[in-house]
């Protein structure tokens, strides 16, 4: 009896540890407020329009004055304004890519500003930490800054 109890306690601890390691994705994140719900909706639209090569829909998720990090092998990872991003994104590796995943999402909302941190994993299996800053303007959340670390 005692061995069985020890076995059940051990299994329960392992289960709880695995649950604690579960990483929230855009599909599994449980919003804690209407603002978080709206933020997740914008991030889903951003991802879906990128995958579906819908440039106007994708750009609509960004503020007109957004700074967005891009990757150029000869320029490193510069932050560019939305106008330059609009020229670059249709030529990027991720344009139309399906299978990438944004996970480990953590959202901090402070008034009309939100910071979203998480990890993006490409369909090739490379991952990188991402930081997104959003602002609510006229009741609408828009991305004002998107930056990322090195993919490894």
Protein backbone atom coordinates (compact mmCIF):
# COMPACT_ATOMS: atom_id res chain seq x y z
CA UNK A 1 0.00 0.00 0.00
CA UNK A 2 2.77 2.39 0.95
CA UNK A 3 4.65 1.65 -2.28
CA UNK A 4 1.54 2.35 -4.33
CA UNK A 5 1.03 5.69 -2.54
CA UNK A 6 4.65 6.65 -3.19
CA UNK A 7 4.21 5.68 -6.85
CA UNK A 8 1.05 7.83 -7.17
CA UNK A 9 2.70 10.83 -5.48
CA UNK A 10 5.71 10.54 -7.79
CA UNK A 11 3.49 10.34 -10.87
CA UNK A 12 1.47 13.33 -9.69
CA UNK A 13 4.63 15.41 -9.19
CA UNK A 14 5.89 14.53 -12.67
CA UNK A 15 2.51 15.43 -14.17
CA UNK A 16 2.44 18.79 -12.39
CA UNK A 17 5.99 19.59 -13.49
CA UNK A 18 5.13 18.81 -17.10
CA UNK A 19 2.03 20.99 -16.89
CA UNK A 20 4.13 23.83 -15.52
CA UNK A 21 6.48 23.53 -18.50
CA UNK A 22 3.65 23.73 -20.99
CA UNK A 23 4.29 26.71 -23.18
CA UNK A 24 1.39 28.94 -24.23
CA UNK A 25 1.04 29.47 -27.97
CA UNK A 26 -1.22 31.91 -29.81
CA UNK A 27 -3.78 29.10 -29.99
CA UNK A 28 -3.58 28.03 -26.34
CA UNK A 29 -2.96 31.32 -24.52
CA UNK A 30 -5.74 32.02 -22.02
CA UNK A 31 -6.31 35.81 -21.94
CA UNK A 32 -6.72 37.31 -18.47
CA UNK A 33 -8.44 40.48 -19.68
CA UNK A 34 -10.24 41.95 -22.70
CA UNK A 35 -6.99 43.76 -23.61
CA UNK A 36 -5.04 40.49 -23.66
CA UNK A 37 -7.79 38.93 -25.77
CA UNK A 38 -7.52 41.79 -28.31
CA UNK A 39 -3.71 41.54 -28.30
CA UNK A 40 -3.78 37.80 -29.04
CA UNK A 41 -6.31 38.44 -31.83
CA UNK A 42 -3.95 40.98 -33.47
CA UNK A 43 -0.98 38.61 -33.16
CA UNK A 44 -3.01 35.79 -34.75
CA UNK A 45 -4.01 38.07 -37.62
CA UNK A 46 -0.36 39.10 -37.99
CA UNK A 47 0.74 35.45 -38.22
CA UNK A 48 -2.12 34.31 -40.47
CA UNK A 49 -1.72 37.16 -42.95
CA UNK A 50 2.03 36.54 -43.12
CA UNK A 51 1.44 32.85 -43.84
CA UNK A 52 -1.28 33.66 -46.41
CA UNK A 53 0.84 36.33 -48.13
CA UNK A 54 -1.78 39.00 -47.43
CA UNK A 55 0.50 42.05 -47.33
CA UNK A 56 -2.18 44.68 -46.67
CA UNK A 57 -3.75 42.60 -43.89
CA UNK A 58 -0.33 41.91 -42.38
CA UNK A 59 0.72 45.57 -42.44
CA UNK A 60 -2.61 46.58 -40.87
CA UNK A 61 -1.45 44.98 -37.59
CA UNK A 62 1.43 47.49 -37.35
CA UNK A 63 1.28 51.12 -36.23
CA UNK A 64 2.25 53.60 -38.96
CA UNK A 65 5.37 54.53 -36.96
CA UNK A 66 6.32 50.94 -36.05
CA UNK A 67 9.96 49.84 -35.82
CA UNK A 68 10.35 46.26 -36.98
CA UNK A 69 13.52 44.18 -36.87
CA UNK A 70 14.36 42.42 -40.10
CA UNK A 71 17.23 40.17 -41.11
CA UNK A 72 19.67 40.96 -43.90
CA UNK A 73 22.80 38.84 -44.13
CA UNK A 74 24.85 41.87 -45.15
CA UNK A 75 23.21 44.37 -42.76
CA UNK A 76 22.64 42.26 -39.67
CA UNK A 77 19.30 42.82 -37.96
CA UNK A 78 18.31 46.46 -38.39
CA UNK A 79 15.13 48.02 -37.04
CA UNK A 80 13.26 49.55 -39.95
CA UNK A 81 10.14 51.64 -40.24
CA UNK A 82 6.91 50.11 -41.52
CA UNK A 83 7.41 51.53 -45.02
CA UNK A 84 10.76 49.72 -45.45
CA UNK A 85 9.35 46.57 -43.83
CA UNK A 86 6.53 46.58 -46.42
CA UNK A 87 9.15 46.43 -49.19
CA UNK A 88 11.20 43.74 -47.46
CA UNK A 89 8.65 41.26 -46.11
CA UNK A 90 7.47 39.82 -49.49
CA UNK A 91 11.10 38.86 -50.22
CA UNK A 92 11.76 37.36 -46.77
CA UNK A 93 12.20 33.69 -45.96
CA UNK A 94 9.17 33.75 -43.64
CA UNK A 95 6.78 35.16 -46.26
CA UNK A 96 4.15 32.48 -46.78
CA UNK A 97 5.91 30.08 -44.39
CA UNK A 98 3.55 27.75 -42.62
CA UNK A 99 4.60 25.78 -39.60
CA UNK A 100 6.49 28.40 -37.60
CA UNK A 101 5.26 28.78 -34.03
CA UNK A 102 5.24 31.58 -31.47
CA UNK A 103 5.21 30.07 -27.96
CA UNK A 104 6.06 30.77 -24.33
CA UNK A 105 3.93 33.88 -24.56
CA UNK A 106 3.93 36.30 -21.64
CA UNK A 107 1.92 39.53 -21.83
CA UNK A 108 2.37 42.55 -19.58
CA UNK A 109 -0.24 45.28 -20.07
CA UNK A 110 0.32 48.70 -18.52
CA UNK A 111 -2.35 51.18 -19.48
CA UNK A 112 -2.35 51.54 -23.26
CA UNK A 113 1.01 49.78 -23.72
CA UNK A 114 1.70 46.06 -23.76
CA UNK A 115 4.92 44.08 -23.91
CA UNK A 116 4.72 40.56 -25.26
CA UNK A 117 7.64 38.16 -24.89
CA UNK A 118 7.94 34.71 -26.34
CA UNK A 119 9.96 32.42 -28.53
CA UNK A 120 9.46 31.96 -32.24
CA UNK A 121 10.42 28.60 -33.71
CA UNK A 122 10.68 28.45 -37.48
CA UNK A 123 9.45 25.52 -39.51
CA UNK A 124 13.13 24.58 -39.85
CA UNK A 125 13.39 24.16 -36.07
CA UNK A 126 15.44 27.29 -35.34
CA UNK A 127 14.21 29.36 -32.39
CA UNK A 128 14.70 32.90 -31.16
CA UNK A 129 13.39 35.08 -28.32
CA UNK A 130 11.04 37.80 -29.56
CA UNK A 131 9.82 41.00 -27.90
CA UNK A 132 6.78 42.82 -29.21
CA UNK A 133 5.53 46.18 -27.96
CA UNK A 134 1.96 47.18 -28.73
CA UNK A 135 -0.01 50.34 -28.09
CA UNK A 136 -3.73 50.87 -27.93
CA UNK A 137 -4.74 53.82 -30.05
CA UNK A 138 -8.40 54.75 -30.46
CA UNK A 139 -9.33 51.43 -28.84
CA UNK A 140 -7.23 49.33 -31.27
CA UNK A 141 -4.04 47.46 -30.35
CA UNK A 142 -1.25 47.84 -32.92
CA UNK A 143 2.33 46.62 -33.00
CA UNK A 144 4.77 49.49 -32.48
CA UNK A 145 7.99 47.51 -32.09
CA UNK A 146 9.03 43.95 -32.91
CA UNK A 147 12.54 42.74 -32.21
CA UNK A 148 14.21 39.39 -31.81
CA UNK A 149 17.40 37.68 -30.72
CA UNK A 150 19.61 35.32 -32.67
CA UNK A 151 18.04 32.18 -34.08
CA UNK A 152 19.77 29.02 -32.96
